Amino acid sequence: MIRVAKTENGLLRGIEAADPRITAFKGIPFAAPPVGKNRWRAPQPAESWKGIREAYRFAPISMQSTPGLGTDVYCREWHVDPEIAMGEDCLYLNVWTGAKNTGERQPVLVWFFGGGLQWGYPAEMEFDGERLARRGVVVVTVNYRINAFGFMAHPELTKEAPEAPANFGSLDQQAGIKWVIRNIEAFGGDPNNITIAGQSAGGGSVLSQMTCPENFGLFHKAVIMSAMIRSPYSEGGIGTPATLEEAEKNGEDFLEFLGAKNLEEARALDAFYIRDKYYEFIQNHPMMMTVLDGKFCVGDPLKLYAEGKHAHVPVMAGNTEDEFPNIIEADSEKALEEMAKEVFGDRADEFLACPESHVKAGNGYAPVSGIECTVKSEFLLNRRDVNPQECYYYRFAPDIPGWDNPGTFHSVDLWFFFETLAKCWRPFVGRHYDLARQMCNYWANFIKTGNPNGKDADGTDMPYWNFYSEEHPADMVFGEQGAKITAEEETAFKRLMIEKITERLQK
């Protein structure tokens, strides 16, 4: 077992995981503390240390609302510890490895957590990398700055560092990838076989990293969970970056809200004061998220992907069945017809002829998963690219037990992909554990080779998962009966939704 690893900054001693064949190295600094003059600055090099540094515990999480104080599903699910350490000094990552020596060159997963770029942390219990490490994958989970600390823009910042004026959280992620390339051999990993992955805002972060020209060639596969989000019914949406001018104005308003006259005064303020004022500020102002700075972010990542301006690597992407449904808000069939003409123009009759368009959902009609249709749109455009990649679509649709009857809510699939169900309070039973084993197998296979197919634990072949294309529109459905593939032609309704999103992406 590798219990001591030699990195560029010094020696680290890890700790045996629950399975002693796996070593966990936690709280590894990959950049200097982003405090003082480094607040709102691109990540700087980490300092070296003497002797052997103990890497036994997670480092403090990024500045954010205190976890575990609410009653929402996420406070029940994994944001459960109000006492978790939190601090501005947060640029640390974690490694799980089952390698016995540094020459094994196992494939590497680099994971970015979700949380809307406002919340979240690698110490969430569903992100335990042990089960993937048992499958021969070196797992790296990277912390990064979020909310105002990671995504504020301001004219003074642009003047101070025009080469990196914003997107500090994204630059943290990029620094994590580069640290992995330089250091992962010390943990038995292969720097030439890296998969970057994330869910929700973490998946959006993967897309941002994929479409940053500086990153081309740094990684070799990507997993984007619940993050390719566009609606067929409206322009823009989640994940559309603000312009630098818009973000700078928001930053100016925020400094005024803090009572700071300039950047120097703002950098001198207490981090918890800034945190608390930020959550007051966003009650009436935009949240701080990805910024179109022309340096790291050079365009809307979804549109850049549609245009082929991205790292050309295999992609696995999908969604849970119940998350973020898109609907047409109409209170009658007549209103539906009017909205159809507004949205679909001369194709309105084609839309209205589909039975699915008249299914009423709450206060609207035509429920559809914009994520599913966006992923499929992007994958079809990928097939037309000069350098097409094999891209795999999944839909997560099993029953999720619990008194709250949550359905397949946004993020619940994380318990399954990481195969960490045993940590959850929900009364999962055998079929859920079987499904999680399959999902984790498919994921590990994709991380290793770019193809998810392979054998189950008993040596039998898992259902064959083909990449998505017009010739074989393959949906991998992770459902109550396990993994099952469907390769039927899309319905007229779904084809129209995919085409409408494609039209929006190509505008």
Protein backbone atom coordinates (compact mmCIF):
# COMPACT_ATOMS: atom_id res chain seq x y z
CA MET A 1 0.00 0.00 0.00
CA ILE A 2 1.12 3.57 -0.61
CA ARG A 3 0.92 5.13 2.85
CA VAL A 4 3.54 7.85 2.27
CA ALA A 5 3.57 9.90 -0.96
CA LYS A 6 6.27 12.30 -2.15
CA THR A 7 4.71 15.38 -3.75
CA GLU A 8 6.30 18.52 -5.17
CA ASN A 9 5.81 20.31 -1.83
CA GLY A 10 6.81 17.52 0.53
CA LEU A 11 5.99 14.12 1.98
CA LEU A 12 2.44 13.13 2.95
CA ARG A 13 1.29 10.31 5.18
CA GLY A 14 -2.17 8.96 4.38
CA ILE A 15 -4.52 6.86 6.45
CA GLU A 16 -6.09 3.51 5.74
CA ALA A 17 -9.70 3.75 4.60
CA ALA A 18 -12.48 1.50 5.95
CA ASP A 19 -11.03 -1.01 3.51
CA PRO A 20 -7.35 -1.06 4.60
CA ARG A 21 -6.29 -1.91 1.05
CA ILE A 22 -7.18 1.70 0.18
CA THR A 23 -5.23 4.72 1.43
CA ALA A 24 -6.91 8.10 1.83
CA PHE A 25 -4.83 11.28 1.75
CA LYS A 26 -6.97 14.20 2.95
CA GLY A 27 -6.37 17.93 3.16
CA ILE A 28 -3.51 18.19 0.65
CA PRO A 29 -2.66 21.84 -0.17
CA PHE A 30 -2.56 22.45 -3.92
CA ALA A 31 -2.34 26.25 -3.78
CA ALA A 32 -1.49 28.97 -1.27
CA PRO A 33 -4.20 30.09 1.16
CA PRO A 34 -6.45 32.60 -0.70
CA VAL A 35 -6.41 35.10 2.16
CA GLY A 36 -5.22 38.68 2.60
CA LYS A 37 -3.69 39.89 -0.65
CA ASN A 38 -4.63 36.55 -2.26
CA ARG A 39 -8.36 37.09 -1.68
CA TRP A 40 -9.99 37.54 -5.11
CA ARG A 41 -6.82 36.52 -6.89
CA ALA A 42 -5.92 33.56 -9.08
CA PRO A 43 -4.55 30.64 -7.02
CA GLN A 44 -0.89 31.01 -6.13
CA PRO A 45 1.69 28.21 -5.62
CA ALA A 46 1.52 26.25 -2.39
CA GLU A 47 4.38 26.47 0.06
CA SER A 48 6.57 23.44 0.76
CA TRP A 49 6.95 21.81 4.19
CA LYS A 50 9.60 19.83 5.97
CA GLY A 51 9.18 16.35 7.37
CA ILE A 52 6.07 14.24 6.79
CA ARG A 53 2.72 16.02 6.79
CA GLU A 54 -0.19 14.01 8.19
CA ALA A 55 -3.05 13.88 5.66
CA TYR A 56 -5.69 12.28 7.87
CA ARG A 57 -8.55 14.78 7.90
CA PHE A 58 -10.48 16.91 5.44
CA ALA A 59 -9.42 20.56 5.36
CA PRO A 60 -11.95 23.32 6.18
CA ILE A 61 -14.72 23.76 3.63
CA SER A 62 -15.08 26.95 1.56
CA MET A 63 -16.86 29.95 3.04
CA GLN A 64 -20.63 29.41 2.77
CA SER A 65 -23.83 29.14 4.79
CA THR A 66 -23.43 26.86 7.79
CA PRO A 67 -24.52 23.36 6.73
CA GLY A 68 -27.10 21.31 8.59
CA LEU A 69 -29.31 24.13 9.88
CA GLY A 70 -32.17 23.83 7.41
CA THR A 71 -35.00 21.36 6.89
CA ASP A 72 -34.64 20.89 3.13
CA VAL A 73 -33.80 17.57 1.49
CA TYR A 74 -30.08 18.36 1.29
CA CYS A 75 -29.83 19.09 5.01
CA ARG A 76 -31.42 15.68 5.56
CA GLU A 77 -29.28 14.01 2.93
CA TRP A 78 -25.66 15.10 3.47
CA HIS A 79 -25.32 18.71 4.67
CA VAL A 80 -25.81 17.38 8.18
CA ASP A 81 -22.95 18.77 10.27
CA PRO A 82 -23.19 22.37 11.55
CA GLU A 83 -19.85 21.87 13.33
CA ILE A 84 -17.86 21.13 10.18
CA ALA A 85 -14.70 23.24 9.95
CA MET A 86 -15.01 26.20 7.57
CA GLY A 87 -12.49 28.82 6.55
CA GLU A 88 -11.15 31.01 3.78
CA ASP A 89 -7.96 28.92 3.76
CA CYS A 90 -9.61 26.14 1.76
CA LEU A 91 -7.56 25.20 -1.30
CA TYR A 92 -6.97 21.55 -0.52
CA LEU A 93 -7.74 18.29 -2.29
CA ASN A 94 -8.10 14.64 -1.29
CA VAL A 95 -6.85 11.41 -2.84
CA TRP A 96 -7.99 7.79 -2.50
CA THR A 97 -5.72 5.14 -3.97
CA GLY A 98 -5.53 1.36 -3.95
CA ALA A 99 -2.20 1.31 -5.77
CA LYS A 100 0.54 -0.73 -4.10
CA ASN A 101 3.36 1.22 -5.73
CA THR A 102 3.93 4.40 -7.69
CA GLY A 103 4.47 2.58 -10.97
CA GLU A 104 0.92 1.23 -11.35
CA ARG A 105 -0.33 4.22 -13.37
CA GLN A 106 -3.99 3.72 -12.55
CA PRO A 107 -6.63 5.93 -14.26
CA VAL A 108 -7.52 9.09 -12.38
CA LEU A 109 -10.86 10.73 -11.57
CA VAL A 110 -10.82 14.44 -10.67
CA TRP A 111 -14.14 15.37 -9.04
CA PHE A 112 -15.76 18.82 -8.63
CA PHE A 113 -18.68 19.12 -6.20
CA GLY A 114 -21.96 20.86 -7.02
CA GLY A 115 -24.04 23.41 -5.14
CA GLY A 116 -24.79 26.21 -7.59
CA LEU A 117 -21.27 27.65 -7.11
CA GLN A 118 -22.67 28.91 -3.79
CA TRP A 119 -22.44 25.88 -1.50
CA GLY A 120 -20.87 22.42 -1.31
CA TYR A 121 -17.60 20.73 -0.36
CA PRO A 122 -15.59 17.54 -0.99
CA ALA A 123 -16.16 16.34 2.57
CA GLU A 124 -19.82 15.56 1.79
CA MET A 125 -20.21 11.94 2.77
CA GLU A 126 -21.56 10.76 -0.59
CA PHE A 127 -18.23 11.69 -2.22
CA ASP A 128 -16.21 8.97 -0.48
CA GLY A 129 -13.79 7.71 -3.16
CA GLU A 130 -13.14 4.30 -1.60
CA ARG A 131 -15.50 2.22 -3.75
CA LEU A 132 -14.09 3.59 -7.00
CA ALA A 133 -10.55 3.12 -5.66
CA ARG A 134 -11.36 -0.55 -5.06
CA ARG A 135 -12.07 -0.76 -8.80
CA GLY A 136 -8.58 0.48 -9.68
CA VAL A 137 -9.27 4.22 -10.00
CA VAL A 138 -7.29 6.92 -8.18
CA VAL A 139 -9.94 9.39 -6.98
CA VAL A 140 -9.17 13.08 -6.41
CA THR A 141 -11.78 15.48 -4.98
CA VAL A 142 -10.90 19.17 -5.31
CA ASN A 143 -12.13 22.01 -3.14
CA TYR A 144 -12.55 25.45 -4.70
CA ARG A 145 -13.77 28.91 -3.76
CA ILE A 146 -17.46 29.61 -4.26
CA ASN A 147 -19.98 32.48 -4.08
CA ALA A 148 -18.45 35.94 -3.53
CA PHE A 149 -15.06 34.50 -2.64
CA GLY A 150 -14.80 32.54 -5.88
CA PHE A 151 -16.76 34.55 -8.44
CA MET A 152 -16.79 38.26 -7.60
CA ALA A 153 -15.70 40.63 -10.35
CA HIS A 154 -14.83 44.31 -9.93
CA PRO A 155 -13.17 47.01 -12.07
CA GLU A 156 -10.26 47.18 -9.62
CA LEU A 157 -9.70 43.43 -9.98
CA THR A 158 -9.73 43.68 -13.77
CA LYS A 159 -7.18 46.49 -13.65
CA GLU A 160 -5.03 44.67 -11.07
CA ALA A 161 -4.89 41.34 -12.92
CA PRO A 162 -6.23 41.62 -16.49
CA GLU A 163 -4.87 38.13 -17.22
CA ALA A 164 -7.15 36.63 -14.51
CA PRO A 165 -9.81 39.18 -13.54
CA ALA A 166 -12.54 36.77 -12.37
CA ASN A 167 -13.64 33.12 -12.08
CA PHE A 168 -11.26 32.41 -9.20
CA GLY A 169 -13.19 29.27 -8.25
CA SER A 170 -12.81 27.96 -11.81
CA LEU A 171 -9.11 28.76 -11.70
CA ASP A 172 -8.89 26.81 -8.44
CA GLN A 173 -10.35 23.80 -10.24
CA GLN A 174 -7.89 24.27 -13.10
CA ALA A 175 -5.02 24.48 -10.59
CA GLY A 176 -6.26 21.22 -9.07
CA ILE A 177 -6.13 19.50 -12.47
CA LYS A 178 -2.60 20.79 -13.06
CA TRP A 179 -1.52 19.65 -9.58
CA VAL A 180 -2.82 16.18 -10.41
CA ILE A 181 -0.81 16.10 -13.65
CA ARG A 182 2.37 17.05 -11.76
CA ASN A 183 1.87 14.85 -8.69
CA ILE A 184 -0.51 11.94 -9.21
CA GLU A 185 2.23 9.42 -10.08
CA ALA A 186 3.24 9.59 -6.40
CA PHE A 187 -0.13 7.99 -5.61
CA GLY A 188 0.06 5.34 -8.34
CA GLY A 189 -1.98 7.37 -10.83
CA ASP A 190 -1.51 8.00 -14.54
CA PRO A 191 -1.29 11.70 -15.53
CA ASN A 192 -2.03 10.66 -19.11
CA ASN A 193 -5.41 9.11 -18.22
CA ILE A 194 -7.43 11.73 -16.37
CA THR A 195 -11.22 12.06 -16.30
CA ILE A 196 -12.75 15.26 -14.94
CA ALA A 197 -16.26 14.90 -13.53
CA GLY A 198 -18.88 16.74 -11.56
CA GLN A 199 -22.59 17.03 -10.88
CA SER A 200 -24.88 20.09 -11.07
CA ALA A 201 -22.59 23.14 -10.74
CA GLY A 202 -19.73 20.66 -10.61
CA GLY A 203 -20.87 19.31 -13.97
CA GLY A 204 -21.19 22.87 -15.24
CA SER A 205 -17.64 23.37 -14.02
CA VAL A 206 -16.53 20.38 -16.09
CA LEU A 207 -18.15 22.00 -19.14
CA SER A 208 -16.40 25.29 -18.32
CA GLN A 209 -13.05 23.50 -18.03
CA MET A 210 -13.71 21.67 -21.32
CA THR A 211 -14.34 24.91 -23.19
CA CYS A 212 -11.37 26.84 -21.79
CA PRO A 213 -8.80 26.71 -24.63
CA GLU A 214 -5.89 26.67 -22.16
CA ASN A 215 -7.10 23.30 -20.87
CA PHE A 216 -7.13 21.39 -24.15
CA GLY A 217 -4.97 18.30 -23.69
CA LEU A 218 -4.94 18.37 -19.88
CA PHE A 219 -7.55 15.61 -19.48
CA HIS A 220 -8.87 12.75 -21.53
CA LYS A 221 -12.53 12.11 -20.63
CA ALA A 222 -15.37 14.03 -18.97
CA VAL A 223 -18.50 13.22 -16.97
CA ILE A 224 -21.22 15.90 -16.80
CA MET A 225 -24.09 14.99 -14.47
CA SER A 226 -27.30 17.03 -14.39
CA ALA A 227 -25.63 20.12 -15.82
CA MET A 228 -26.24 20.52 -19.56
CA ILE A 229 -29.30 22.66 -18.92
CA ARG A 230 -31.34 24.56 -21.49
CA SER A 231 -35.08 24.86 -21.91
CA PRO A 232 -36.74 24.29 -25.29
CA TYR A 233 -39.26 26.97 -24.34
CA SER A 234 -37.07 29.99 -23.53
CA GLU A 235 -33.73 31.60 -24.29
CA GLY A 236 -30.75 31.53 -21.94
CA GLY A 237 -31.05 29.87 -18.59
CA ILE A 238 -28.92 28.30 -15.88
CA GLY A 239 -25.23 28.23 -16.75
CA THR A 240 -25.26 31.24 -19.07
CA PRO A 241 -22.29 33.34 -17.92
CA ALA A 242 -22.73 37.00 -17.06
CA THR A 243 -20.72 39.53 -19.03
CA LEU A 244 -17.68 40.98 -17.30
CA GLU A 245 -19.33 44.40 -17.33
CA GLU A 246 -22.46 43.06 -15.62
CA ALA A 247 -20.41 41.16 -13.06
CA GLU A 248 -18.19 44.17 -12.34
CA LYS A 249 -21.26 46.33 -11.67
CA ASN A 250 -22.59 43.65 -9.30
CA GLY A 251 -19.19 43.61 -7.58
CA GLU A 252 -19.22 47.38 -7.17
CA ASP A 253 -22.67 47.18 -5.60
CA PHE A 254 -21.44 44.44 -3.28
CA LEU A 255 -18.45 46.42 -2.02
CA GLU A 256 -20.75 49.34 -1.34
CA PHE A 257 -23.07 46.92 0.52
CA LEU A 258 -20.07 45.78 2.58
CA GLY A 259 -19.24 49.38 3.45
CA ALA A 260 -15.86 49.12 1.71
CA LYS A 261 -14.63 52.07 -0.35
CA ASN A 262 -12.21 50.01 -2.40
CA LEU A 263 -10.66 46.59 -2.89
CA GLU A 264 -8.00 47.16 -0.23
CA GLU A 265 -10.65 47.80 2.41
CA ALA A 266 -12.69 44.80 1.25
CA ARG A 267 -9.65 42.51 1.52
CA ALA A 268 -9.18 43.62 5.11
CA LEU A 269 -12.70 42.61 6.14
CA ASP A 270 -13.43 39.46 8.14
CA ALA A 271 -14.34 36.51 5.92
CA PHE A 272 -17.41 35.56 7.94
CA TYR A 273 -18.67 39.13 7.75
CA ILE A 274 -18.33 39.02 3.95
CA ARG A 275 -20.09 35.65 3.87
CA ASP A 276 -23.05 36.84 5.91
CA LYS A 277 -23.39 40.10 3.97
CA TYR A 278 -23.25 38.20 0.67
CA TYR A 279 -26.26 36.07 1.53
CA GLU A 280 -28.12 39.26 2.46
CA PHE A 281 -26.95 40.91 -0.77
CA ILE A 282 -28.25 38.20 -3.10
CA GLN A 283 -31.78 38.63 -1.82
CA ASN A 284 -31.95 41.62 -4.17
CA HIS A 285 -28.95 41.15 -6.46
CA PRO A 286 -27.68 38.41 -8.79
CA MET A 287 -25.66 35.57 -7.32
CA MET A 288 -22.00 35.61 -8.26
CA MET A 289 -21.23 32.85 -10.72
CA THR A 290 -19.19 32.23 -13.88
CA VAL A 291 -18.16 35.40 -15.70
CA LEU A 292 -17.48 35.89 -19.41
CA ASP A 293 -14.01 37.32 -18.78
CA GLY A 294 -12.44 36.49 -22.16
CA LYS A 295 -9.60 34.70 -20.37
CA PHE A 296 -10.82 31.55 -18.64
CA CYS A 297 -14.40 31.80 -19.92
CA VAL A 298 -14.49 32.82 -23.58
CA GLY A 299 -18.18 32.14 -24.27
CA ASP A 300 -21.31 30.31 -23.18
CA PRO A 301 -19.92 26.79 -22.54
CA LEU A 302 -22.98 25.02 -23.99
CA LYS A 303 -22.78 27.06 -27.19
CA LEU A 304 -19.02 26.54 -27.43
CA TYR A 305 -19.57 22.80 -27.11
CA ALA A 306 -22.25 22.95 -29.81
CA GLU A 307 -19.76 24.75 -32.07
CA GLY A 308 -17.05 22.14 -31.51
CA LYS A 309 -14.89 24.61 -29.56
CA HIS A 310 -14.03 22.27 -26.71
CA ALA A 311 -11.62 19.59 -25.59
CA HIS A 312 -12.45 16.67 -27.87
CA VAL A 313 -12.81 13.86 -25.36
CA PRO A 314 -15.46 11.18 -24.72
CA VAL A 315 -18.31 12.39 -22.50
CA MET A 316 -20.80 10.64 -20.22
CA ALA A 317 -23.77 12.85 -19.35
CA GLY A 318 -27.35 12.53 -18.19
CA ASN A 319 -29.98 13.45 -15.64
CA THR A 320 -32.35 12.18 -12.99
CA GLU A 321 -35.88 11.66 -14.22
CA ASP A 322 -37.63 14.15 -11.95
CA GLU A 323 -35.19 17.05 -11.75
CA PHE A 324 -35.88 20.50 -13.25
CA PRO A 325 -38.82 19.67 -15.57
CA ASN A 326 -39.52 22.30 -18.21
CA ILE A 327 -43.12 23.25 -18.89
CA ILE A 328 -45.13 25.79 -20.82
CA GLU A 329 -46.95 27.96 -18.32
CA ALA A 330 -50.50 28.17 -19.60
CA ASP A 331 -53.84 27.95 -17.84
CA SER A 332 -55.89 26.64 -20.77
CA GLU A 333 -55.59 24.87 -24.11
CA LYS A 334 -56.10 28.20 -25.86
CA ALA A 335 -53.24 29.74 -23.92
CA LEU A 336 -51.14 26.67 -24.78
CA GLU A 337 -51.83 27.20 -28.49
CA GLU A 338 -50.79 30.86 -28.23
CA MET A 339 -47.59 29.95 -26.42
CA ALA A 340 -46.87 27.23 -28.99
CA LYS A 341 -47.05 29.80 -31.79
CA GLU A 342 -44.76 32.12 -29.86
CA VAL A 343 -42.17 29.42 -29.14
CA PHE A 344 -42.34 27.18 -32.21
CA GLY A 345 -43.60 29.56 -34.91
CA ASP A 346 -44.55 27.68 -38.09
CA ARG A 347 -43.93 24.39 -36.27
CA ALA A 348 -46.63 25.08 -33.67
CA ASP A 349 -49.10 22.67 -35.29
CA GLU A 350 -46.44 19.96 -35.26
CA PHE A 351 -45.95 20.58 -31.54
CA LEU A 352 -49.69 20.61 -30.77
CA ALA A 353 -50.19 17.35 -32.70
CA CYS A 354 -48.00 15.53 -30.14
CA PRO A 355 -50.07 14.00 -27.32
CA GLU A 356 -47.27 14.84 -24.84
CA SER A 357 -47.77 18.57 -25.40
CA HIS A 358 -51.22 18.43 -23.79
CA VAL A 359 -50.17 16.68 -20.59
CA LYS A 360 -50.83 19.16 -17.82
CA ALA A 361 -48.20 19.33 -15.06
CA GLY A 362 -49.20 21.51 -12.12
CA ASN A 363 -49.81 24.93 -13.67
CA GLY A 364 -48.44 24.17 -17.12
CA TYR A 365 -48.31 21.88 -20.14
CA ALA A 366 -45.81 19.84 -22.13
CA PRO A 367 -43.48 18.61 -19.35
CA VAL A 368 -40.07 17.65 -20.70
CA SER A 369 -36.55 17.26 -19.35
CA GLY A 370 -34.57 20.11 -20.81
CA ILE A 371 -31.40 18.43 -19.53
CA GLU A 372 -32.11 15.21 -21.43
CA CYS A 373 -32.91 17.09 -24.63
CA THR A 374 -29.87 19.37 -24.25
CA VAL A 375 -27.50 16.44 -23.72
CA LYS A 376 -28.91 14.67 -26.76
CA SER A 377 -28.73 17.84 -28.84
CA GLU A 378 -25.08 18.32 -27.91
CA PHE A 379 -24.25 14.67 -28.58
CA LEU A 380 -25.87 14.79 -32.03
CA LEU A 381 -23.91 17.94 -32.85
CA ASN A 382 -20.78 16.17 -31.63
CA ARG A 383 -21.37 13.41 -34.19
CA ARG A 384 -21.27 16.02 -36.97
CA ASP A 385 -17.97 17.44 -35.72
CA VAL A 386 -14.74 16.92 -37.66
CA ASN A 387 -13.45 14.99 -34.64
CA PRO A 388 -16.51 13.22 -33.17
CA GLN A 389 -16.20 11.47 -29.83
CA GLU A 390 -18.17 8.59 -28.39
CA CYS A 391 -20.60 10.14 -25.89
CA TYR A 392 -22.93 8.22 -23.59
CA TYR A 393 -26.35 9.34 -22.30
CA TYR A 394 -28.03 8.01 -19.12
CA ARG A 395 -31.28 8.63 -17.26
CA PHE A 396 -31.56 7.83 -13.54
CA ALA A 397 -35.08 6.59 -12.80
CA PRO A 398 -35.34 4.12 -9.89
CA ASP A 399 -37.64 4.35 -6.87
CA ILE A 400 -36.08 6.33 -4.01
CA PRO A 401 -37.40 5.23 -0.61
CA GLY A 402 -38.07 7.47 2.39
CA TRP A 403 -40.89 9.11 4.31
CA ASP A 404 -40.50 12.26 2.18
CA ASN A 405 -41.33 10.43 -1.10
CA PRO A 406 -38.72 12.54 -2.90
CA GLY A 407 -38.71 10.97 -6.35
CA THR A 408 -35.44 11.06 -8.26
CA PHE A 409 -34.56 14.49 -6.98
CA HIS A 410 -31.58 16.50 -8.18
CA SER A 411 -28.33 14.92 -6.85
CA VAL A 412 -29.76 11.68 -5.42
CA ASP A 413 -27.87 9.67 -8.07
CA LEU A 414 -24.60 10.59 -6.34
CA TRP A 415 -25.21 7.93 -3.70
CA PHE A 416 -25.28 5.40 -6.55
CA PHE A 417 -22.40 6.54 -8.76
CA PHE A 418 -20.06 6.62 -5.75
CA GLU A 419 -21.71 3.44 -4.35
CA THR A 420 -22.03 5.05 -0.90
CA LEU A 421 -25.65 4.10 -0.16
CA ALA A 422 -24.72 2.60 3.20
CA LYS A 423 -24.01 6.11 4.52
CA CYS A 424 -27.51 7.34 3.68
CA TRP A 425 -30.45 7.33 6.10
CA ARG A 426 -32.84 6.09 3.42
CA PRO A 427 -34.04 2.46 3.70
CA PHE A 428 -32.34 1.23 0.53
CA VAL A 429 -32.72 -2.49 -0.12
CA GLY A 430 -30.98 -5.09 -2.25
CA ARG A 431 -32.08 -3.87 -5.67
CA HIS A 432 -30.76 -0.38 -4.90
CA TYR A 433 -27.38 -1.80 -3.93
CA ASP A 434 -27.33 -3.90 -7.11
CA LEU A 435 -28.07 -0.81 -9.19
CA ALA A 436 -25.37 1.21 -7.41
CA ARG A 437 -22.84 -1.54 -8.07
CA GLN A 438 -23.69 -1.50 -11.77
CA MET A 439 -23.59 2.29 -12.00
CA CYS A 440 -20.24 2.47 -10.25
CA ASN A 441 -18.94 -0.29 -12.56
CA TYR A 442 -20.01 1.60 -15.69
CA TRP A 443 -18.47 4.79 -14.32
CA ALA A 444 -15.17 3.10 -13.43
CA ASN A 445 -14.98 1.49 -16.88
CA PHE A 446 -15.55 4.85 -18.58
CA ILE A 447 -12.88 6.46 -16.40
CA LYS A 448 -10.44 3.73 -17.39
CA THR A 449 -11.07 3.52 -21.14
CA GLY A 450 -13.66 6.03 -22.32
CA ASN A 451 -16.11 3.14 -22.81
CA PRO A 452 -18.45 2.19 -19.93
CA ASN A 453 -18.99 -1.44 -20.93
CA GLY A 454 -17.62 -4.44 -19.11
CA LYS A 455 -18.46 -7.20 -16.67
CA ASP A 456 -20.35 -7.14 -13.40
CA ALA A 457 -18.88 -8.41 -10.14
CA ASP A 458 -20.05 -11.98 -10.88
CA GLY A 459 -18.25 -12.05 -14.22
CA THR A 460 -21.33 -11.65 -16.40
CA ASP A 461 -21.54 -8.95 -19.05
CA MET A 462 -23.51 -5.88 -18.03
CA PRO A 463 -26.14 -4.62 -20.51
CA TYR A 464 -24.30 -3.15 -23.49
CA TRP A 465 -24.32 0.67 -23.52
CA ASN A 466 -23.87 2.15 -26.98
CA PHE A 467 -22.88 5.76 -27.54
CA TYR A 468 -25.68 8.15 -28.52
CA SER A 469 -26.17 8.96 -32.21
CA GLU A 470 -28.91 9.34 -34.81
CA GLU A 471 -28.30 5.74 -35.90
CA HIS A 472 -28.67 4.36 -32.38
CA PRO A 473 -30.32 6.85 -29.97
CA ALA A 474 -29.26 4.78 -26.96
CA ASP A 475 -30.66 5.67 -23.55
CA MET A 476 -29.13 3.88 -20.58
CA VAL A 477 -31.91 3.83 -18.01
CA PHE A 478 -30.87 3.17 -14.42
CA GLY A 479 -34.24 2.03 -13.06
CA GLU A 480 -35.95 -0.18 -10.51
CA GLN A 481 -34.94 -3.33 -12.39
CA GLY A 482 -31.31 -2.29 -12.77
CA ALA A 483 -29.50 -0.99 -15.83
CA LYS A 484 -31.43 -1.35 -19.08
CA ILE A 485 -30.69 0.09 -22.50
CA THR A 486 -33.30 1.42 -24.90
CA ALA A 487 -32.38 2.21 -28.50
CA GLU A 488 -35.71 3.17 -29.98
CA GLU A 489 -36.20 6.17 -32.24
CA GLU A 490 -37.08 9.32 -30.32
CA THR A 491 -40.74 10.30 -30.31
CA ALA A 492 -41.85 13.18 -32.55
CA PHE A 493 -42.31 15.33 -29.45
CA LYS A 494 -38.83 14.69 -28.12
CA ARG A 495 -37.26 15.13 -31.56
CA LEU A 496 -38.91 18.54 -31.80
CA MET A 497 -37.62 19.49 -28.33
CA ILE A 498 -34.08 18.41 -29.24
CA GLU A 499 -34.24 20.36 -32.51
CA LYS A 500 -35.53 23.48 -30.75
CA ILE A 501 -32.67 23.39 -28.25
CA THR A 502 -30.24 22.83 -31.10
CA GLU A 503 -31.64 25.91 -32.80
CA ARG A 504 -31.15 27.97 -29.64
CA LEU A 505 -27.59 26.70 -29.15
CA GLN A 506 -26.67 27.56 -32.74
CA LYS A 507 -28.08 31.10 -32.68
